[in-house]
Amino acid sequence: MEIISSPVKIALLVFIGLALLIVNITYLTNLLSDEAFLKNLLVEAYGMLYDIVIIGAFVLWLNKRGEKLREIKHYNEEIDDLKHWKSDEAAHRIASIVKRLNKLGETDICLVLCHLKGADLSFVNLKGSNLKVANLQGVSLTGANLQNVDFRNADLTGADLLGANLRSANLKQVKGLTFGQLSDVGTLKDAELDDTHRMEIKKNFPCLLKIEHSGGIHISHLVMHRCKSPACPMNKQKPLS
């Protein structure tokens, strides 16, 4: 015998059972011949129908919300299982999970120690995520939203940061990070940088420390977000078509 586990189905069956019970009692006691009773019954029926719609909608929302939270928990547990698996397959699987979590509205993802070498994370939203000690060698973070991301002790050797939003990101003690990579990003406003990188950016691309930026901005619009100072090297570049 199949056991019904859905709370919505259980509630519906209980309602139908009670309705049949009440109709039978009413019929057996001849109350249907009483006009006043029928009038009151109609009023109560409309009230009960309204309550069922409201409560049913609330129960359905709770059920959907519960399913979403369970799905998010499952994906985070899967990342935790894969984080010590140093292979291309693990990197691509974690990247796919990150994109699924984004679709569920999740951006604050724990990717500590994760092996993401060569993964494609273009235009993902990792706002508030923790990527400490993660292997990000050769990863594509083009146009990604990396606001408030903690990259401390991560390896960004060869990573593509073109157009990435690194506002308020912690980029101290990051391995393999070069001035060339930083000069390609969308913004570094309020970002924490090692002294050497901050001096280089302040000298050559001061606009990156000031401009606003939205994660996922199209690459062709990057030049529009640079400062208007004639000294800024970005003003010598032609906009991308």
C-alpha atoms as a PDB file:
ATOM      1  CA  MET A   1       0.000   0.000   0.000  1.00  0.00           C
ATOM      2  CA  GLU A   2       1.400   3.393  -1.027  1.00  0.00           C
ATOM      3  CA  ILE A   3       1.890   5.862   1.834  1.00  0.00           C
ATOM      4  CA  ILE A   4       0.907   9.463   1.064  1.00  0.00           C
ATOM      5  CA  SER A   5       3.718  11.797   2.170  1.00  0.00           C
ATOM      6  CA  SER A   6       2.685  15.115   0.628  1.00  0.00           C
ATOM      7  CA  PRO A   7       1.145  17.452   3.260  1.00  0.00           C
ATOM      8  CA  VAL A   8      -1.065  19.031   0.590  1.00  0.00           C
ATOM      9  CA  LYS A   9      -2.555  15.654  -0.431  1.00  0.00           C
ATOM     10  CA  ILE A  10      -3.089  14.674   3.202  1.00  0.00           C
ATOM     11  CA  ALA A  11      -4.917  17.949   3.938  1.00  0.00           C
ATOM     12  CA  LEU A  12      -7.096  17.500   0.835  1.00  0.00           C
ATOM     13  CA  LEU A  13      -8.065  13.946   1.791  1.00  0.00           C
ATOM     14  CA  VAL A  14      -8.916  15.011   5.348  1.00  0.00           C
ATOM     15  CA  PHE A  15     -11.096  17.826   3.995  1.00  0.00           C
ATOM     16  CA  ILE A  16     -12.948  15.522   1.601  1.00  0.00           C
ATOM     17  CA  GLY A  17     -13.485  12.968   4.387  1.00  0.00           C
ATOM     18  CA  LEU A  18     -14.901  15.555   6.786  1.00  0.00           C
ATOM     19  CA  ALA A  19     -17.115  17.057   4.050  1.00  0.00           C
ATOM     20  CA  LEU A  20     -18.631  13.644   3.271  1.00  0.00           C
ATOM     21  CA  LEU A  21     -19.204  13.001   6.977  1.00  0.00           C
ATOM     22  CA  ILE A  22     -21.008  16.333   7.475  1.00  0.00           C
ATOM     23  CA  VAL A  23     -23.193  15.849   4.357  1.00  0.00           C
ATOM     24  CA  ASN A  24     -24.268  12.376   5.566  1.00  0.00           C
ATOM     25  CA  ILE A  25     -25.138  13.656   9.051  1.00  0.00           C
ATOM     26  CA  THR A  26     -27.096  16.559   7.573  1.00  0.00           C
ATOM     27  CA  TYR A  27     -29.045  14.260   5.255  1.00  0.00           C
ATOM     28  CA  LEU A  28     -29.872  11.769   8.011  1.00  0.00           C
ATOM     29  CA  THR A  29     -31.162  14.504  10.360  1.00  0.00           C
ATOM     30  CA  ASN A  30     -33.363  16.148   7.643  1.00  0.00           C
ATOM     31  CA  LEU A  31     -31.733  19.550   8.193  1.00  0.00           C
ATOM     32  CA  LEU A  32     -31.776  20.198   4.424  1.00  0.00           C
ATOM     33  CA  SER A  33     -35.499  21.008   4.650  1.00  0.00           C
ATOM     34  CA  ASP A  34     -34.801  23.923   6.989  1.00  0.00           C
ATOM     35  CA  GLU A  35     -34.495  27.157   4.924  1.00  0.00           C
ATOM     36  CA  ALA A  36     -32.676  29.066   7.672  1.00  0.00           C
ATOM     37  CA  PHE A  37     -30.204  26.230   8.036  1.00  0.00           C
ATOM     38  CA  LEU A  38     -29.514  26.203   4.280  1.00  0.00           C
ATOM     39  CA  LYS A  39     -28.902  29.963   4.293  1.00  0.00           C
ATOM     40  CA  ASN A  40     -26.442  29.725   7.167  1.00  0.00           C
ATOM     41  CA  LEU A  41     -24.801  26.721   5.545  1.00  0.00           C
ATOM     42  CA  LEU A  42     -24.196  28.702   2.344  1.00  0.00           C
ATOM     43  CA  VAL A  43     -22.602  31.578   4.274  1.00  0.00           C
ATOM     44  CA  GLU A  44     -20.352  29.210   6.190  1.00  0.00           C
ATOM     45  CA  ALA A  45     -19.446  27.361   2.989  1.00  0.00           C
ATOM     46  CA  TYR A  46     -18.220  30.560   1.343  1.00  0.00           C
ATOM     47  CA  GLY A  47     -16.217  31.450   4.467  1.00  0.00           C
ATOM     48  CA  MET A  48     -14.675  28.013   4.620  1.00  0.00           C
ATOM     49  CA  LEU A  49     -13.815  28.133   0.901  1.00  0.00           C
ATOM     50  CA  TYR A  50     -12.000  31.437   1.430  1.00  0.00           C
ATOM     51  CA  ASP A  51     -10.075  29.964   4.384  1.00  0.00           C
ATOM     52  CA  ILE A  52      -9.115  26.910   2.338  1.00  0.00           C
ATOM     53  CA  VAL A  53      -7.739  29.064  -0.487  1.00  0.00           C
ATOM     54  CA  ILE A  54      -5.662  31.233   1.890  1.00  0.00           C
ATOM     55  CA  ILE A  55      -4.396  28.355   4.027  1.00  0.00           C
ATOM     56  CA  GLY A  56      -3.802  26.176   0.961  1.00  0.00           C
ATOM     57  CA  ALA A  57      -1.712  28.889  -0.684  1.00  0.00           C
ATOM     58  CA  PHE A  58       0.308  29.309   2.528  1.00  0.00           C
ATOM     59  CA  VAL A  59       0.884  25.557   2.869  1.00  0.00           C
ATOM     60  CA  LEU A  60       1.935  25.363  -0.787  1.00  0.00           C
ATOM     61  CA  TRP A  61       4.400  28.240  -0.280  1.00  0.00           C
ATOM     62  CA  LEU A  62       5.862  26.521   2.778  1.00  0.00           C
ATOM     63  CA  ASN A  63       6.192  23.276   0.831  1.00  0.00           C
ATOM     64  CA  LYS A  64       7.984  25.008  -2.058  1.00  0.00           C
ATOM     65  CA  ARG A  65      10.199  26.916   0.348  1.00  0.00           C
ATOM     66  CA  GLY A  66      11.126  23.683   2.121  1.00  0.00           C
ATOM     67  CA  GLU A  67      11.987  22.000  -1.180  1.00  0.00           C
ATOM     68  CA  LYS A  68      14.204  24.945  -2.156  1.00  0.00           C
ATOM     69  CA  LEU A  69      16.069  24.906   1.172  1.00  0.00           C
ATOM     70  CA  ARG A  70      16.585  21.137   0.924  1.00  0.00           C
ATOM     71  CA  GLU A  71      17.932  21.547  -2.605  1.00  0.00           C
ATOM     72  CA  ILE A  72      20.333  24.300  -1.500  1.00  0.00           C
ATOM     73  CA  LYS A  73      21.529  22.157   1.418  1.00  0.00           C
ATOM     74  CA  HIS A  74      22.084  19.192  -0.936  1.00  0.00           C
ATOM     75  CA  TYR A  75      24.183  21.297  -3.332  1.00  0.00           C
ATOM     76  CA  ASN A  76      26.303  22.717  -0.492  1.00  0.00           C
ATOM     77  CA  GLU A  77      26.906  19.208   0.859  1.00  0.00           C
ATOM     78  CA  GLU A  78      27.934  18.084  -2.627  1.00  0.00           C
ATOM     79  CA  ILE A  79      30.471  20.937  -2.821  1.00  0.00           C
ATOM     80  CA  ASP A  80      31.802  19.907   0.590  1.00  0.00           C
ATOM     81  CA  ASP A  81      32.250  16.333  -0.668  1.00  0.00           C
ATOM     82  CA  LEU A  82      34.096  17.495  -3.799  1.00  0.00           C
ATOM     83  CA  LYS A  83      36.343  20.186  -2.310  1.00  0.00           C
ATOM     84  CA  HIS A  84      39.307  17.864  -1.659  1.00  0.00           C
ATOM     85  CA  TRP A  85      38.989  16.062  -5.001  1.00  0.00           C
ATOM     86  CA  LYS A  86      41.759  17.574  -7.135  1.00  0.00           C
ATOM     87  CA  SER A  87      40.640  16.778 -10.679  1.00  0.00           C
ATOM     88  CA  ASP A  88      39.159  18.502 -13.729  1.00  0.00           C
ATOM     89  CA  GLU A  89      35.904  16.629 -13.198  1.00  0.00           C
ATOM     90  CA  ALA A  90      35.574  17.964  -9.659  1.00  0.00           C
ATOM     91  CA  ALA A  91      36.284  21.512 -10.838  1.00  0.00           C
ATOM     92  CA  HIS A  92      33.600  21.374 -13.546  1.00  0.00           C
ATOM     93  CA  ARG A  93      31.073  19.731 -11.228  1.00  0.00           C
ATOM     94  CA  ILE A  94      31.573  22.416  -8.567  1.00  0.00           C
ATOM     95  CA  ALA A  95      31.234  25.132 -11.230  1.00  0.00           C
ATOM     96  CA  SER A  96      27.944  23.590 -12.385  1.00  0.00           C
ATOM     97  CA  ILE A  97      26.676  23.464  -8.800  1.00  0.00           C
ATOM     98  CA  VAL A  98      27.571  27.138  -8.297  1.00  0.00           C
ATOM     99  CA  LYS A  99      25.469  28.052 -11.340  1.00  0.00           C
ATOM    100  CA  ARG A 100      22.548  25.969 -10.047  1.00  0.00           C
ATOM    101  CA  LEU A 101      22.789  27.708  -6.667  1.00  0.00           C
ATOM    102  CA  ASN A 102      22.735  31.057  -8.466  1.00  0.00           C
ATOM    103  CA  LYS A 103      19.472  30.040 -10.151  1.00  0.00           C
ATOM    104  CA  LEU A 104      18.076  29.349  -6.678  1.00  0.00           C
ATOM    105  CA  GLY A 105      19.117  32.847  -5.584  1.00  0.00           C
ATOM    106  CA  GLU A 106      22.183  31.770  -3.595  1.00  0.00           C
ATOM    107  CA  THR A 107      25.403  33.794  -3.909  1.00  0.00           C
ATOM    108  CA  ASP A 108      27.092  33.394  -0.517  1.00  0.00           C
ATOM    109  CA  ILE A 109      28.758  30.030  -1.183  1.00  0.00           C
ATOM    110  CA  CYS A 110      31.539  28.363   0.806  1.00  0.00           C
ATOM    111  CA  LEU A 111      34.261  27.316  -1.646  1.00  0.00           C
ATOM    112  CA  VAL A 112      37.137  27.116   0.814  1.00  0.00           C
ATOM    113  CA  LEU A 113      39.892  24.740  -0.385  1.00  0.00           C
ATOM    114  CA  CYS A 114      37.921  23.910  -3.549  1.00  0.00           C
ATOM    115  CA  HIS A 115      39.802  22.769  -6.641  1.00  0.00           C
ATOM    116  CA  LEU A 116      38.446  24.902  -9.499  1.00  0.00           C
ATOM    117  CA  LYS A 117      41.444  24.873 -11.827  1.00  0.00           C
ATOM    118  CA  GLY A 118      40.365  25.703 -15.392  1.00  0.00           C
ATOM    119  CA  ALA A 119      36.657  25.955 -14.522  1.00  0.00           C
ATOM    120  CA  ASP A 120      34.286  28.316 -16.322  1.00  0.00           C
ATOM    121  CA  LEU A 121      32.669  30.686 -13.822  1.00  0.00           C
ATOM    122  CA  SER A 122      31.994  33.504 -16.267  1.00  0.00           C
ATOM    123  CA  PHE A 123      29.221  35.888 -15.163  1.00  0.00           C
ATOM    124  CA  VAL A 124      28.402  33.929 -11.998  1.00  0.00           C
ATOM    125  CA  ASN A 125      27.316  35.750  -8.844  1.00  0.00           C
ATOM    126  CA  LEU A 126      29.562  34.908  -5.893  1.00  0.00           C
ATOM    127  CA  LYS A 127      28.808  37.994  -3.809  1.00  0.00           C
ATOM    128  CA  GLY A 128      29.878  37.349  -0.220  1.00  0.00           C
ATOM    129  CA  SER A 129      31.394  33.935  -0.967  1.00  0.00           C
ATOM    130  CA  ASN A 130      34.407  32.454   0.778  1.00  0.00           C
ATOM    131  CA  LEU A 131      37.170  31.273  -1.591  1.00  0.00           C
ATOM    132  CA  LYS A 132      40.067  31.153   0.854  1.00  0.00           C
ATOM    133  CA  VAL A 133      42.852  28.734  -0.155  1.00  0.00           C
ATOM    134  CA  ALA A 134      40.896  27.753  -3.301  1.00  0.00           C
ATOM    135  CA  ASN A 135      42.767  26.644  -6.428  1.00  0.00           C
ATOM    136  CA  LEU A 136      41.592  29.110  -9.100  1.00  0.00           C
ATOM    137  CA  GLN A 137      44.416  28.610 -11.580  1.00  0.00           C
ATOM    138  CA  GLY A 138      43.247  29.397 -15.111  1.00  0.00           C
ATOM    139  CA  VAL A 139      39.631  29.846 -14.002  1.00  0.00           C
ATOM    140  CA  SER A 140      37.397  32.128 -16.076  1.00  0.00           C
ATOM    141  CA  LEU A 141      35.721  34.785 -13.922  1.00  0.00           C
ATOM    142  CA  THR A 142      34.856  37.088 -16.800  1.00  0.00           C
ATOM    143  CA  GLY A 143      32.123  39.535 -15.796  1.00  0.00           C
ATOM    144  CA  ALA A 144      31.568  37.730 -12.482  1.00  0.00           C
ATOM    145  CA  ASN A 145      30.134  39.466  -9.426  1.00  0.00           C
ATOM    146  CA  LEU A 146      32.847  38.995  -6.801  1.00  0.00           C
ATOM    147  CA  GLN A 147      31.787  41.650  -4.319  1.00  0.00           C
ATOM    148  CA  ASN A 148      32.918  40.998  -0.734  1.00  0.00           C
ATOM    149  CA  VAL A 149      34.560  37.709  -1.765  1.00  0.00           C
ATOM    150  CA  ASP A 150      37.393  36.506   0.469  1.00  0.00           C
ATOM    151  CA  PHE A 151      40.285  35.331  -1.741  1.00  0.00           C
ATOM    152  CA  ARG A 152      42.974  35.168   0.947  1.00  0.00           C
ATOM    153  CA  ASN A 153      45.642  32.541   0.179  1.00  0.00           C
ATOM    154  CA  ALA A 154      43.780  31.452  -2.956  1.00  0.00           C
ATOM    155  CA  ASP A 155      45.756  30.750  -6.155  1.00  0.00           C
ATOM    156  CA  LEU A 156      44.648  33.016  -9.029  1.00  0.00           C
ATOM    157  CA  THR A 157      47.528  32.175 -11.372  1.00  0.00           C
ATOM    158  CA  GLY A 158      46.354  32.745 -14.953  1.00  0.00           C
ATOM    159  CA  ALA A 159      42.759  33.488 -13.916  1.00  0.00           C
ATOM    160  CA  ASP A 160      40.685  35.629 -16.290  1.00  0.00           C
ATOM    161  CA  LEU A 161      39.193  38.552 -14.334  1.00  0.00           C
ATOM    162  CA  LEU A 162      38.083  40.648 -17.300  1.00  0.00           C
ATOM    163  CA  GLY A 163      35.200  42.875 -16.215  1.00  0.00           C
ATOM    164  CA  ALA A 164      34.842  41.199 -12.820  1.00  0.00           C
ATOM    165  CA  ASN A 165      33.266  43.192  -9.992  1.00  0.00           C
ATOM    166  CA  LEU A 166      35.794  43.025  -7.150  1.00  0.00           C
ATOM    167  CA  ARG A 167      34.301  45.727  -4.974  1.00  0.00           C
ATOM    168  CA  SER A 168      35.181  45.191  -1.292  1.00  0.00           C
ATOM    169  CA  ALA A 169      36.881  41.882  -2.146  1.00  0.00           C
ATOM    170  CA  ASN A 170      39.783  40.698   0.023  1.00  0.00           C
ATOM    171  CA  LEU A 171      42.728  40.127  -2.330  1.00  0.00           C
ATOM    172  CA  LYS A 172      45.506  40.066   0.224  1.00  0.00           C
ATOM    173  CA  GLN A 173      48.078  37.250   0.200  1.00  0.00           C
ATOM    174  CA  VAL A 174      46.652  35.890  -3.060  1.00  0.00           C
ATOM    175  CA  LYS A 175      49.015  33.667  -5.042  1.00  0.00           C
ATOM    176  CA  GLY A 176      49.750  34.309  -8.707  1.00  0.00           C
ATOM    177  CA  LEU A 177      47.785  37.568  -8.925  1.00  0.00           C
ATOM    178  CA  THR A 178      49.411  40.071 -11.298  1.00  0.00           C
ATOM    179  CA  PHE A 179      48.999  43.731 -12.088  1.00  0.00           C
ATOM    180  CA  GLY A 180      47.886  42.722 -15.595  1.00  0.00           C
ATOM    181  CA  GLN A 181      44.988  40.694 -14.195  1.00  0.00           C
ATOM    182  CA  LEU A 182      43.912  43.508 -11.880  1.00  0.00           C
ATOM    183  CA  SER A 183      43.993  46.070 -14.680  1.00  0.00           C
ATOM    184  CA  ASP A 184      41.349  44.065 -16.548  1.00  0.00           C
ATOM    185  CA  VAL A 185      38.710  44.054 -13.792  1.00  0.00           C
ATOM    186  CA  GLY A 186      35.574  46.199 -13.701  1.00  0.00           C
ATOM    187  CA  THR A 187      36.217  47.790 -10.305  1.00  0.00           C
ATOM    188  CA  LEU A 188      38.418  47.480  -7.227  1.00  0.00           C
ATOM    189  CA  LYS A 189      36.555  50.026  -5.143  1.00  0.00           C
ATOM    190  CA  ASP A 190      37.011  49.377  -1.403  1.00  0.00           C
ATOM    191  CA  ALA A 191      38.936  46.169  -2.200  1.00  0.00           C
ATOM    192  CA  GLU A 192      41.696  45.014   0.150  1.00  0.00           C
ATOM    193  CA  LEU A 193      44.949  44.743  -1.797  1.00  0.00           C
ATOM    194  CA  ASP A 194      48.584  44.044  -0.978  1.00  0.00           C
ATOM    195  CA  ASP A 195      50.579  47.275  -0.808  1.00  0.00           C
ATOM    196  CA  THR A 196      52.478  46.560  -4.044  1.00  0.00           C
ATOM    197  CA  HIS A 197      49.321  45.951  -6.062  1.00  0.00           C
ATOM    198  CA  ARG A 198      47.571  48.985  -4.582  1.00  0.00           C
ATOM    199  CA  MET A 199      50.485  51.255  -5.491  1.00  0.00           C
ATOM    200  CA  GLU A 200      50.585  49.928  -9.074  1.00  0.00           C
ATOM    201  CA  ILE A 201      46.823  50.315  -9.547  1.00  0.00           C
ATOM    202  CA  LYS A 202      46.791  53.780  -7.964  1.00  0.00           C
ATOM    203  CA  LYS A 203      49.587  54.884 -10.297  1.00  0.00           C
ATOM    204  CA  ASN A 204      48.313  53.384 -13.547  1.00  0.00           C
ATOM    205  CA  PHE A 205      44.554  52.819 -13.124  1.00  0.00           C
ATOM    206  CA  PRO A 206      43.325  55.057 -10.286  1.00  0.00           C
ATOM    207  CA  CYS A 207      39.819  54.874 -11.753  1.00  0.00           C
ATOM    208  CA  LEU A 208      39.521  51.225 -10.711  1.00  0.00           C
ATOM    209  CA  LEU A 209      39.675  52.242  -7.054  1.00  0.00           C
ATOM    210  CA  LYS A 210      36.807  54.717  -7.430  1.00  0.00           C
ATOM    211  CA  ILE A 211      34.277  53.579 -10.031  1.00  0.00           C
ATOM    212  CA  GLU A 212      31.014  51.807  -9.338  1.00  0.00           C
ATOM    213  CA  HIS A 213      30.273  48.549 -11.118  1.00  0.00           C
ATOM    214  CA  SER A 214      27.521  45.921 -11.378  1.00  0.00           C
ATOM    215  CA  GLY A 215      28.454  42.254 -11.543  1.00  0.00           C
ATOM    216  CA  GLY A 216      27.934  40.723 -14.961  1.00  0.00           C
ATOM    217  CA  ILE A 217      28.340  43.950 -16.943  1.00  0.00           C
ATOM    218  CA  HIS A 218      28.901  43.339 -20.636  1.00  0.00           C
ATOM    219  CA  ILE A 219      32.562  43.538 -21.643  1.00  0.00           C
ATOM    220  CA  SER A 220      31.788  45.994 -24.463  1.00  0.00           C
ATOM    221  CA  HIS A 221      30.743  48.563 -21.837  1.00  0.00           C
ATOM    222  CA  LEU A 222      33.868  48.348 -19.681  1.00  0.00           C
ATOM    223  CA  VAL A 223      35.559  51.439 -21.106  1.00  0.00           C
ATOM    224  CA  MET A 224      32.443  53.518 -20.323  1.00  0.00           C
ATOM    225  CA  HIS A 225      33.001  52.815 -16.631  1.00  0.00           C
ATOM    226  CA  ARG A 226      36.586  54.114 -16.540  1.00  0.00           C
ATOM    227  CA  CYS A 227      37.422  57.554 -15.189  1.00  0.00           C
ATOM    228  CA  LYS A 228      37.535  60.538 -17.532  1.00  0.00           C
ATOM    229  CA  SER A 229      41.003  61.654 -16.528  1.00  0.00           C
ATOM    230  CA  PRO A 230      43.362  62.086 -19.528  1.00  0.00           C
ATOM    231  CA  ALA A 231      46.043  60.377 -17.446  1.00  0.00           C
ATOM    232  CA  CYS A 232      44.058  57.142 -17.287  1.00  0.00           C
ATOM    233  CA  PRO A 233      45.523  54.611 -19.783  1.00  0.00           C
ATOM    234  CA  MET A 234      42.047  53.184 -20.385  1.00  0.00           C
ATOM    235  CA  ASN A 235      41.032  56.376 -22.149  1.00  0.00           C
ATOM    236  CA  LYS A 236      43.546  55.577 -24.867  1.00  0.00           C
ATOM    237  CA  GLN A 237      41.761  52.320 -25.713  1.00  0.00           C
ATOM    238  CA  LYS A 238      38.948  52.051 -28.183  1.00  0.00           C
ATOM    239  CA  PRO A 239      35.608  50.636 -26.956  1.00  0.00           C
ATOM    240  CA  LEU A 240      35.131  46.976 -27.740  1.00  0.00           C
ATOM    241  CA  SER A 241      32.532  46.257 -30.433  1.00  0.00           C
END
